[in-house]
Amino acid sequence: MAYQSTNPYDGKILATFDEHDDAQLEAKLQAASDCFETDWRARSYAERAAILKRAAALMRERADDLARLVTLEMGKLLPQSAGEVALSAAILDYYADHAETFLAPEKLASARGETVVESSPVGVLLGVEPWNYPYYQIARFAAPNLMAGNVVMVKHASNVPQCALAFEQLMHDAGAPAGAYTNLFISKDQIGRLIDDARIRGVALTGSEAAGAVVASRAGQNLKKTTMELGGSDAFIVLDDADLDRAVKAAVSGRMGNSGQACTASKRFIVVESLADSFLEKFQLALGKFSAGDPLDKQTTLAPLSSAGALNNLVDQVERAVAAGARVVMGGQRIAGDGAFMQPTILADIDEANPAFKEEFFGPVALFFRVPDEDAAVALANDSPFGLGGSVFTQDVERGKRLARRIDTGMMFINSAAVSSPELPFGGVKNSGYGRELSAAGIQEFVNKKLIRVA
């Protein structure tokens, strides 16, 4: 695959990079294995933390340059790119501060003698990461695993190679030894062979269902642990007692953040009949205020999608949905010009036979549904192959909690769109994958929970 930076705002190619040949890949893999066996696993938590803390400080020092790279490579609005840099630095700090506590030995009550469970690293891990959050996705994979004593190799998305190199340089400049963090420019065939290699002990992937199925299958054949975060079609439920203005404001941010290119973006808007017309009117009015422009300009409110290919896929989805009976409330078209811009779009009247009913729309396209009551809202929210996150809006918090417990997802948010923070576990169920990142849970995925008992 070609590793190439192309500015989605104007279509200009910024940089290209060659794939590693097999000899280069072997050298990098051996360096990672050697680093784990002879160096990194033996370092104390304090020694590892010092490097991650320095990396976090460097991220903040270089924030302007790092944010600009994100915007140039995948089109994110510059203020949102800056926010991603800040969140990524916070994740590095979080695990540097808490890893030793999270992985502390656990004494067990046993009549059979002194018993303890200790956590130890497993080795070299492979991360396959997407383009939509070029630093955040890496940070939430690398930070916990490095602090646990593992070493990581990262195959980043092919359209954000400069961001990939910038993060690797960051870790190098922070003092990480050679092989502790390794960026890879490799092909799909090389990914498969890497998973087959005995020196790779686990694989984490964030991406599509199709990619997850391929990688999980290959890892399973090799009896290797995996974690999978495979996207979602999050429900945004508005109950009859919701604060309507608050719900609309959250709906806009939940759907339009990162131009809608987020796994946990609000995608299916399920509104109880008594508020449906008012919600739709206000939602449409708010989306109509977005204006396309250069994402480096802080006044721009609508950024391009990540690539021309992403735009074409989204337009095709909308056209298929309309052909199957969906009604275009607003938008529905690409925006003319060189950039990969999509009009903010609302689709309604989507029945179960429509392909849109089960699909994930990765861009500024909202699916609108009206339902008679909260039971119907729950049923519709659960009628999806995905189970990542969701939101419910109500002024009765206890009611919101009861409803949230009925939704088959890994995350639910009451009176807000989805948010991410280092201390909040991230992950889903069903076709959204398995395993967790962030929080205490995120550092437990790739460690050996070793029982030690003294008779």
Protein backbone atom coordinates (compact mmCIF):
# COMPACT_ATOMS: atom_id res chain seq x y z
CA MET A 1 0.00 0.00 0.00
CA ALA A 2 1.17 3.54 -0.67
CA TYR A 3 2.01 5.68 2.37
CA GLN A 4 1.13 9.11 1.13
CA SER A 5 0.06 12.42 2.65
CA THR A 6 -2.64 14.09 0.56
CA ASN A 7 -4.29 17.25 1.82
CA PRO A 8 -8.05 16.54 1.61
CA TYR A 9 -8.80 20.27 1.45
CA ASP A 10 -7.12 20.81 -1.93
CA GLY A 11 -6.06 17.34 -3.10
CA LYS A 12 -2.34 18.21 -3.14
CA ILE A 13 0.17 15.48 -2.38
CA LEU A 14 2.37 16.56 0.53
CA ALA A 15 4.75 13.61 0.93
CA THR A 16 5.21 9.96 0.03
CA PHE A 17 7.06 7.18 1.84
CA ASP A 18 8.31 3.77 0.74
CA GLU A 19 7.16 0.60 2.44
CA HIS A 20 9.72 -1.30 4.47
CA ASP A 21 11.14 -4.25 2.59
CA ASP A 22 11.22 -7.62 4.31
CA ALA A 23 14.81 -7.17 5.50
CA GLN A 24 13.97 -3.83 7.10
CA LEU A 25 10.91 -5.31 8.78
CA GLU A 26 12.92 -8.22 10.15
CA ALA A 27 15.52 -5.83 11.57
CA LYS A 28 12.83 -3.75 13.29
CA LEU A 29 11.09 -6.82 14.70
CA GLN A 30 14.33 -8.23 16.06
CA ALA A 31 15.21 -4.89 17.60
CA ALA A 32 11.82 -4.80 19.32
CA SER A 33 12.23 -8.36 20.59
CA ASP A 34 15.74 -7.64 21.86
CA CYS A 35 14.55 -4.46 23.56
CA PHE A 36 11.84 -6.34 25.40
CA GLU A 37 14.00 -9.25 26.48
CA THR A 38 17.13 -7.37 27.52
CA ASP A 39 15.92 -3.93 28.56
CA TRP A 40 12.35 -2.68 28.72
CA ARG A 41 10.67 -5.46 30.68
CA ALA A 42 13.30 -5.14 33.42
CA ARG A 43 12.88 -1.39 33.91
CA SER A 44 11.00 -0.13 36.92
CA TYR A 45 7.67 1.64 36.66
CA ALA A 46 9.44 4.85 37.62
CA GLU A 47 11.95 4.49 34.78
CA ARG A 48 9.24 3.84 32.22
CA ALA A 49 7.09 6.65 33.62
CA ALA A 50 9.90 9.17 33.27
CA ILE A 51 9.99 8.52 29.52
CA LEU A 52 6.23 8.75 29.08
CA LYS A 53 6.10 11.94 31.15
CA ARG A 54 8.80 13.44 28.98
CA ALA A 55 6.89 12.39 25.84
CA ALA A 56 3.76 14.09 27.18
CA ALA A 57 5.74 17.27 27.87
CA LEU A 58 7.19 17.20 24.37
CA MET A 59 3.69 16.80 22.89
CA ARG A 60 2.63 19.97 24.63
CA GLU A 61 5.78 21.83 23.56
CA ARG A 62 5.23 20.77 19.93
CA ALA A 63 1.45 21.08 20.04
CA ASP A 64 1.13 23.63 17.24
CA ASP A 65 3.25 21.63 14.79
CA LEU A 66 1.64 18.32 15.72
CA ALA A 67 -1.88 19.71 15.36
CA ARG A 68 -1.06 21.25 12.00
CA LEU A 69 0.13 17.86 10.72
CA VAL A 70 -3.19 16.25 11.63
CA THR A 71 -5.13 18.96 9.81
CA LEU A 72 -2.94 18.76 6.71
CA GLU A 73 -3.03 14.96 6.47
CA MET A 74 -6.65 14.10 7.29
CA GLY A 75 -8.47 17.44 7.31
CA LYS A 76 -9.55 17.83 10.95
CA LEU A 77 -10.43 21.38 12.02
CA LEU A 78 -7.32 22.92 13.59
CA PRO A 79 -8.87 23.54 17.05
CA GLN A 80 -10.02 19.91 17.13
CA SER A 81 -6.52 18.76 16.12
CA ALA A 82 -5.12 20.79 19.02
CA GLY A 83 -7.62 19.13 21.33
CA GLU A 84 -6.49 15.71 20.14
CA VAL A 85 -2.87 16.55 20.92
CA ALA A 86 -3.82 17.67 24.43
CA LEU A 87 -5.87 14.50 25.05
CA SER A 88 -3.03 12.29 23.80
CA ALA A 89 -0.56 13.96 26.15
CA ALA A 90 -3.02 13.49 29.01
CA ILE A 91 -3.22 9.75 28.26
CA LEU A 92 0.57 9.44 28.40
CA ASP A 93 0.60 11.22 31.76
CA TYR A 94 -2.32 9.18 33.08
CA TYR A 95 -0.62 5.82 32.61
CA ALA A 96 2.72 7.13 33.80
CA ASP A 97 0.99 8.20 37.01
CA HIS A 98 -1.27 5.18 37.60
CA ALA A 99 0.22 2.07 35.95
CA GLU A 100 2.02 0.80 39.05
CA THR A 101 -1.20 1.03 41.09
CA PHE A 102 -3.28 -0.62 38.37
CA LEU A 103 -0.86 -3.55 38.11
CA ALA A 104 -0.05 -3.93 41.79
CA PRO A 105 0.10 -7.52 43.06
CA GLU A 106 -3.26 -8.77 44.33
CA LYS A 107 -3.26 -10.88 47.46
CA LEU A 108 -5.92 -13.57 47.56
CA ALA A 109 -7.54 -15.09 50.62
CA SER A 110 -6.75 -18.78 50.48
CA ALA A 111 -6.64 -21.59 52.99
CA ARG A 112 -3.88 -23.19 50.95
CA GLY A 113 -1.15 -20.74 51.85
CA GLU A 114 0.12 -17.34 50.83
CA THR A 115 -1.36 -16.52 47.41
CA VAL A 116 -0.82 -13.55 45.11
CA VAL A 117 -1.58 -12.66 41.49
CA GLU A 118 1.10 -10.61 39.79
CA SER A 119 0.96 -8.83 36.42
CA SER A 120 3.84 -9.26 34.00
CA PRO A 121 4.35 -8.13 30.40
CA VAL A 122 3.88 -10.55 27.52
CA GLY A 123 6.28 -9.17 24.90
CA VAL A 124 6.09 -7.45 21.53
CA LEU A 125 2.65 -6.14 20.57
CA LEU A 126 1.37 -5.05 17.16
CA GLY A 127 -1.10 -2.18 16.88
CA VAL A 128 -3.01 -1.55 13.64
CA GLU A 129 -4.41 1.97 13.90
CA PRO A 130 -6.78 4.22 11.89
CA TRP A 131 -6.44 7.74 10.52
CA ASN A 132 -9.31 9.58 12.19
CA TYR A 133 -7.42 10.39 15.42
CA PRO A 134 -3.77 9.96 14.39
CA TYR A 135 -2.20 10.58 17.84
CA TYR A 136 -5.02 9.66 20.21
CA GLN A 137 -5.42 6.18 18.73
CA ILE A 138 -1.70 5.52 19.14
CA ALA A 139 -1.51 6.97 22.64
CA ARG A 140 -4.29 4.82 24.04
CA PHE A 141 -2.59 1.68 22.66
CA ALA A 142 1.03 2.56 23.37
CA ALA A 143 0.86 4.26 26.77
CA PRO A 144 -0.65 1.45 28.87
CA ASN A 145 1.32 -1.27 27.17
CA LEU A 146 4.65 0.49 27.44
CA MET A 147 4.00 1.15 31.11
CA ALA A 148 3.11 -2.53 31.58
CA GLY A 149 6.56 -3.45 30.26
CA ASN A 150 5.57 -4.54 26.77
CA VAL A 151 7.08 -3.00 23.65
CA VAL A 152 4.90 -1.88 20.74
CA MET A 153 5.06 -1.83 16.96
CA VAL A 154 2.50 0.36 15.19
CA LYS A 155 1.19 -0.02 11.67
CA HIS A 156 -0.58 3.31 11.18
CA ALA A 157 -3.06 4.24 8.42
CA SER A 158 -1.43 4.88 5.07
CA ASN A 159 -2.80 8.43 4.72
CA VAL A 160 -1.25 9.81 7.93
CA PRO A 161 2.42 8.80 7.62
CA GLN A 162 3.79 12.13 8.81
CA CYS A 163 1.76 11.91 12.01
CA ALA A 164 3.03 8.36 12.46
CA LEU A 165 6.64 9.45 12.12
CA ALA A 166 6.11 12.45 14.38
CA PHE A 167 4.87 10.22 17.22
CA GLU A 168 7.77 7.81 16.78
CA GLN A 169 10.19 10.75 16.89
CA LEU A 170 8.46 12.00 20.01
CA MET A 171 9.09 8.70 21.80
CA HIS A 172 12.69 8.62 20.62
CA ASP A 173 13.31 12.18 21.81
CA ALA A 174 11.71 11.33 25.16
CA GLY A 175 14.39 8.70 25.71
CA ALA A 176 12.68 5.46 24.73
CA PRO A 177 15.31 2.86 23.78
CA ALA A 178 15.48 1.54 20.24
CA GLY A 179 12.75 -1.04 19.77
CA ALA A 180 10.44 0.11 22.56
CA TYR A 181 8.24 2.02 20.11
CA THR A 182 8.48 1.24 16.40
CA ASN A 183 6.54 2.74 13.49
CA LEU A 184 5.93 0.42 10.53
CA PHE A 185 5.26 1.26 6.90
CA ILE A 186 4.21 -2.22 5.76
CA SER A 187 1.83 -3.96 3.37
CA LYS A 188 -1.18 -6.12 4.19
CA ASP A 189 0.83 -9.24 3.38
CA GLN A 190 3.55 -8.14 5.76
CA ILE A 191 0.97 -7.53 8.49
CA GLY A 192 -0.17 -11.14 8.10
CA ARG A 193 3.36 -12.49 8.26
CA LEU A 194 4.09 -10.33 11.28
CA ILE A 195 1.05 -11.75 13.10
CA ASP A 196 2.32 -15.24 12.27
CA ASP A 197 5.75 -14.52 13.78
CA ALA A 198 6.29 -16.05 17.23
CA ARG A 199 7.90 -12.84 18.48
CA ILE A 200 4.58 -10.98 18.22
CA ARG A 201 2.53 -11.85 21.30
CA GLY A 202 -0.66 -9.83 20.81
CA VAL A 203 -2.50 -7.61 18.35
CA ALA A 204 -4.74 -4.59 18.85
CA LEU A 205 -6.76 -3.19 15.96
CA THR A 206 -9.02 -0.20 15.56
CA GLY A 207 -10.74 -0.16 12.18
CA SER A 208 -13.50 -1.66 10.09
CA GLU A 209 -15.43 -4.86 10.67
CA ALA A 210 -13.77 -6.39 7.60
CA ALA A 211 -10.27 -5.55 8.79
CA GLY A 212 -11.08 -6.81 12.27
CA ALA A 213 -12.33 -10.14 10.96
CA VAL A 214 -9.16 -10.67 8.93
CA VAL A 215 -6.74 -9.70 11.68
CA ALA A 216 -8.60 -11.52 14.47
CA SER A 217 -8.80 -14.68 12.34
CA ARG A 218 -5.08 -14.59 11.56
CA ALA A 219 -4.20 -13.99 15.19
CA GLY A 220 -6.60 -16.72 16.31
CA GLN A 221 -4.90 -19.22 14.06
CA ASN A 222 -1.72 -18.37 15.95
CA LEU A 223 -3.41 -18.49 19.38
CA LYS A 224 -2.65 -14.86 20.06
CA LYS A 225 -4.67 -12.44 22.16
CA THR A 226 -6.39 -9.58 20.33
CA THR A 227 -8.46 -6.53 21.12
CA MET A 228 -10.80 -5.09 18.48
CA GLU A 229 -12.50 -1.69 18.23
CA LEU A 230 -14.53 -1.87 15.04
CA GLY A 231 -16.77 1.15 14.83
CA GLY A 232 -20.36 1.81 15.70
CA SER A 233 -23.70 3.32 14.84
CA ASP A 234 -24.45 4.99 18.15
CA ALA A 235 -28.03 5.78 19.08
CA PHE A 236 -28.87 9.25 20.40
CA ILE A 237 -32.17 8.90 22.25
CA VAL A 238 -34.31 11.91 23.15
CA LEU A 239 -37.11 11.12 25.62
CA ASP A 240 -40.28 13.12 26.05
CA ASP A 241 -39.01 14.96 29.15
CA ALA A 242 -35.65 16.00 27.65
CA ASP A 243 -34.29 19.54 27.70
CA LEU A 244 -34.71 20.06 23.98
CA ASP A 245 -32.16 22.84 23.51
CA ARG A 246 -29.54 20.87 25.41
CA ALA A 247 -30.29 17.77 23.37
CA VAL A 248 -29.99 19.63 20.05
CA LYS A 249 -26.71 21.24 21.06
CA ALA A 250 -25.29 17.83 22.01
CA ALA A 251 -26.68 16.27 18.82
CA VAL A 252 -24.79 18.79 16.70
CA SER A 253 -21.48 18.24 18.49
CA GLY A 254 -22.04 14.49 18.61
CA ARG A 255 -22.66 14.20 14.88
CA MET A 256 -20.35 16.91 13.50
CA GLY A 257 -17.20 16.52 15.58
CA ASN A 258 -14.30 15.48 13.32
CA SER A 259 -16.76 15.91 10.42
CA GLY A 260 -18.65 12.91 11.76
CA GLN A 261 -15.64 10.62 11.33
CA ALA A 262 -15.63 9.03 14.77
CA CYS A 263 -16.54 5.54 15.92
CA THR A 264 -18.49 6.99 18.83
CA ALA A 265 -20.15 9.78 16.87
CA SER A 266 -23.90 10.09 17.37
CA LYS A 267 -25.36 8.56 14.21
CA ARG A 268 -28.94 7.38 14.77
CA PHE A 269 -31.17 10.05 16.29
CA ILE A 270 -34.16 8.37 17.93
CA VAL A 271 -36.70 10.89 19.22
CA VAL A 272 -39.96 10.25 21.04
CA GLU A 273 -42.92 11.43 18.95
CA SER A 274 -43.95 14.34 21.20
CA LEU A 275 -40.61 16.09 20.60
CA ALA A 276 -39.75 14.72 17.15
CA ASP A 277 -40.90 17.65 15.01
CA SER A 278 -39.40 20.30 17.28
CA PHE A 279 -36.10 18.42 17.56
CA LEU A 280 -35.84 17.93 13.81
CA GLU A 281 -36.58 21.59 13.09
CA LYS A 282 -33.93 22.83 15.53
CA PHE A 283 -31.40 20.20 14.48
CA GLN A 284 -31.80 21.08 10.81
CA LEU A 285 -31.44 24.79 11.55
CA ALA A 286 -28.22 24.19 13.51
CA LEU A 287 -26.65 21.96 10.85
CA GLY A 288 -27.48 24.55 8.21
CA LYS A 289 -25.09 27.01 9.85
CA PHE A 290 -21.97 24.98 9.06
CA SER A 291 -19.69 26.49 6.44
CA ALA A 292 -16.99 24.65 4.48
CA GLY A 293 -13.51 26.09 4.28
CA ASP A 294 -9.81 25.63 4.93
CA PRO A 295 -9.53 23.55 8.12
CA LEU A 296 -6.36 25.48 9.02
CA ASP A 297 -8.52 28.61 9.29
CA LYS A 298 -9.90 28.75 12.84
CA GLN A 299 -13.08 30.37 11.52
CA THR A 300 -13.98 27.32 9.41
CA THR A 301 -16.77 25.20 10.85
CA LEU A 302 -17.04 22.37 8.29
CA ALA A 303 -13.90 20.43 7.48
CA PRO A 304 -13.43 18.05 4.55
CA LEU A 305 -13.59 14.31 4.93
CA SER A 306 -10.26 12.53 5.17
CA SER A 307 -9.96 11.73 1.48
CA ALA A 308 -11.72 11.76 -1.87
CA GLY A 309 -12.29 8.03 -1.42
CA ALA A 310 -14.03 8.55 1.91
CA LEU A 311 -16.28 11.18 0.32
CA ASN A 312 -17.16 8.92 -2.59
CA ASN A 313 -18.07 6.08 -0.23
CA LEU A 314 -20.31 8.31 1.86
CA VAL A 315 -22.09 9.79 -1.17
CA ASP A 316 -22.67 6.27 -2.47
CA GLN A 317 -24.19 5.24 0.88
CA VAL A 318 -26.57 8.19 0.80
CA GLU A 319 -27.60 7.47 -2.77
CA ARG A 320 -28.31 3.82 -1.98
CA ALA A 321 -30.32 4.81 1.06
CA VAL A 322 -32.43 7.24 -0.99
CA ALA A 323 -32.92 4.67 -3.73
CA ALA A 324 -34.29 2.31 -1.05
CA GLY A 325 -36.84 4.87 0.15
CA ALA A 326 -35.05 7.21 2.56
CA ARG A 327 -36.11 10.86 2.51
CA VAL A 328 -33.47 13.61 2.35
CA VAL A 329 -34.45 16.20 4.95
CA MET A 330 -31.40 18.30 4.11
CA GLY A 331 -28.08 17.99 2.30
CA GLY A 332 -27.32 14.69 0.65
CA GLN A 333 -24.72 15.96 -1.82
CA ARG A 334 -21.00 16.54 -2.06
CA ILE A 335 -19.95 20.18 -2.03
CA ALA A 336 -18.50 21.28 -5.37
CA GLY A 337 -14.80 22.07 -5.50
CA ASP A 338 -11.43 20.44 -4.99
CA GLY A 339 -11.92 19.51 -1.33
CA ALA A 340 -13.51 16.30 -0.04
CA PHE A 341 -16.54 18.11 1.43
CA MET A 342 -19.94 16.61 2.18
CA GLN A 343 -23.03 18.65 2.97
CA PRO A 344 -24.38 18.15 6.48
CA THR A 345 -27.16 15.67 5.82
CA ILE A 346 -30.25 14.32 7.55
CA LEU A 347 -32.01 11.21 6.27
CA ALA A 348 -35.45 10.12 7.51
CA ASP A 349 -38.09 7.47 6.74
CA ILE A 350 -35.54 4.65 6.89
CA ASP A 351 -37.17 1.25 7.24
CA GLU A 352 -35.62 -2.10 8.10
CA ALA A 353 -35.29 -3.08 4.45
CA ASN A 354 -33.11 -0.06 3.72
CA PRO A 355 -29.36 -0.85 3.78
CA ALA A 356 -28.86 2.36 5.77
CA PHE A 357 -30.75 0.79 8.69
CA LYS A 358 -27.78 -1.43 9.57
CA GLU A 359 -24.83 0.54 8.20
CA GLU A 360 -22.37 2.91 9.82
CA PHE A 361 -22.19 6.36 8.17
CA PHE A 362 -18.68 7.75 8.69
CA GLY A 363 -19.25 11.42 8.00
CA PRO A 364 -21.74 14.27 8.55
CA VAL A 365 -24.87 12.22 7.82
CA ALA A 366 -27.53 11.85 10.53
CA LEU A 367 -30.24 9.19 10.46
CA PHE A 368 -33.49 10.42 12.04
CA PHE A 369 -36.14 8.14 13.56
CA ARG A 370 -39.32 8.94 15.48
CA VAL A 371 -40.73 6.46 17.99
CA PRO A 372 -43.88 6.39 20.17
CA ASP A 373 -42.22 5.79 23.54
CA GLU A 374 -39.06 4.79 25.38
CA ASP A 375 -39.62 1.05 24.94
CA ALA A 376 -39.69 1.56 21.18
CA ALA A 377 -36.56 3.71 21.48
CA VAL A 378 -34.71 0.92 23.29
CA ALA A 379 -35.82 -1.67 20.77
CA LEU A 380 -34.67 0.48 17.85
CA ALA A 381 -31.37 1.35 19.51
CA ASN A 382 -30.63 -2.35 20.03
CA ASP A 383 -31.67 -3.29 16.49
CA SER A 384 -28.15 -2.80 15.17
CA PRO A 385 -25.18 -5.05 14.51
CA PHE A 386 -23.06 -2.53 16.42
CA GLY A 387 -22.77 -1.97 20.15
CA LEU A 388 -20.19 0.69 20.87
CA GLY A 389 -21.79 3.67 22.60
CA GLY A 390 -24.93 5.73 22.84
CA SER A 391 -26.67 8.66 24.54
CA VAL A 392 -29.98 9.26 26.23
CA PHE A 393 -31.50 12.64 27.07
CA THR A 394 -33.96 13.06 29.90
CA GLN A 395 -34.35 15.39 32.85
CA ASP A 396 -34.96 12.37 35.08
CA VAL A 397 -31.46 11.00 35.64
CA GLU A 398 -32.66 7.78 37.28
CA ARG A 399 -34.88 7.15 34.27
CA GLY A 400 -31.87 7.72 32.07
CA LYS A 401 -29.83 5.21 34.03
CA ARG A 402 -32.56 2.59 33.77
CA LEU A 403 -32.77 3.05 30.03
CA ALA A 404 -28.99 3.06 29.62
CA ARG A 405 -28.81 -0.36 31.28
CA ARG A 406 -31.18 -1.74 28.64
CA ILE A 407 -29.01 -0.69 25.68
CA ASP A 408 -26.57 -3.32 24.39
CA THR A 409 -23.41 -1.23 24.15
CA GLY A 410 -20.05 -0.87 25.83
CA MET A 411 -20.65 2.77 26.77
CA MET A 412 -23.67 4.96 27.49
CA PHE A 413 -23.83 8.69 28.19
CA ILE A 414 -26.74 10.44 29.91
CA ASN A 415 -27.42 14.01 28.79
CA SER A 416 -24.25 14.26 26.70
CA ALA A 417 -22.82 12.98 23.49
CA ALA A 418 -19.95 10.50 23.80
CA VAL A 419 -16.77 11.83 25.38
CA SER A 420 -13.32 10.32 25.81
CA SER A 421 -11.03 10.78 28.78
CA PRO A 422 -8.07 8.75 30.05
CA GLU A 423 -9.98 7.38 33.06
CA LEU A 424 -13.03 6.21 31.05
CA PRO A 425 -12.95 2.65 29.63
CA PHE A 426 -13.45 2.59 25.87
CA GLY A 427 -14.84 -0.36 23.91
CA GLY A 428 -17.93 -2.13 22.68
CA VAL A 429 -19.83 -5.36 22.13
CA LYS A 430 -21.37 -7.18 19.15
CA ASN A 431 -19.78 -6.13 15.84
CA SER A 432 -18.14 -3.16 17.54
CA GLY A 433 -15.51 -5.55 18.83
CA TYR A 434 -14.17 -6.64 22.20
CA GLY A 435 -11.62 -5.62 24.78
CA ARG A 436 -11.14 -2.22 26.41
CA GLU A 437 -8.73 0.66 26.07
CA LEU A 438 -8.11 3.53 28.51
CA SER A 439 -8.78 3.48 32.28
CA ALA A 440 -7.52 0.71 34.53
CA ALA A 441 -9.12 -1.81 32.16
CA GLY A 442 -6.92 -0.76 29.26
CA ILE A 443 -3.67 -1.80 30.91
CA GLN A 444 -4.98 -5.26 31.83
CA GLU A 445 -5.50 -6.54 28.27
CA PHE A 446 -1.95 -7.59 27.44
CA VAL A 447 -0.44 -8.74 30.71
CA ASN A 448 0.06 -12.17 32.19
CA LYS A 449 -1.95 -12.48 35.41
CA LYS A 450 0.40 -14.90 37.10
CA LEU A 451 -0.66 -16.85 40.19
CA ILE A 452 2.10 -17.38 42.78
CA ARG A 453 1.27 -19.56 45.81
CA VAL A 454 3.44 -20.53 48.72
CA ALA A 455 2.38 -23.87 50.24
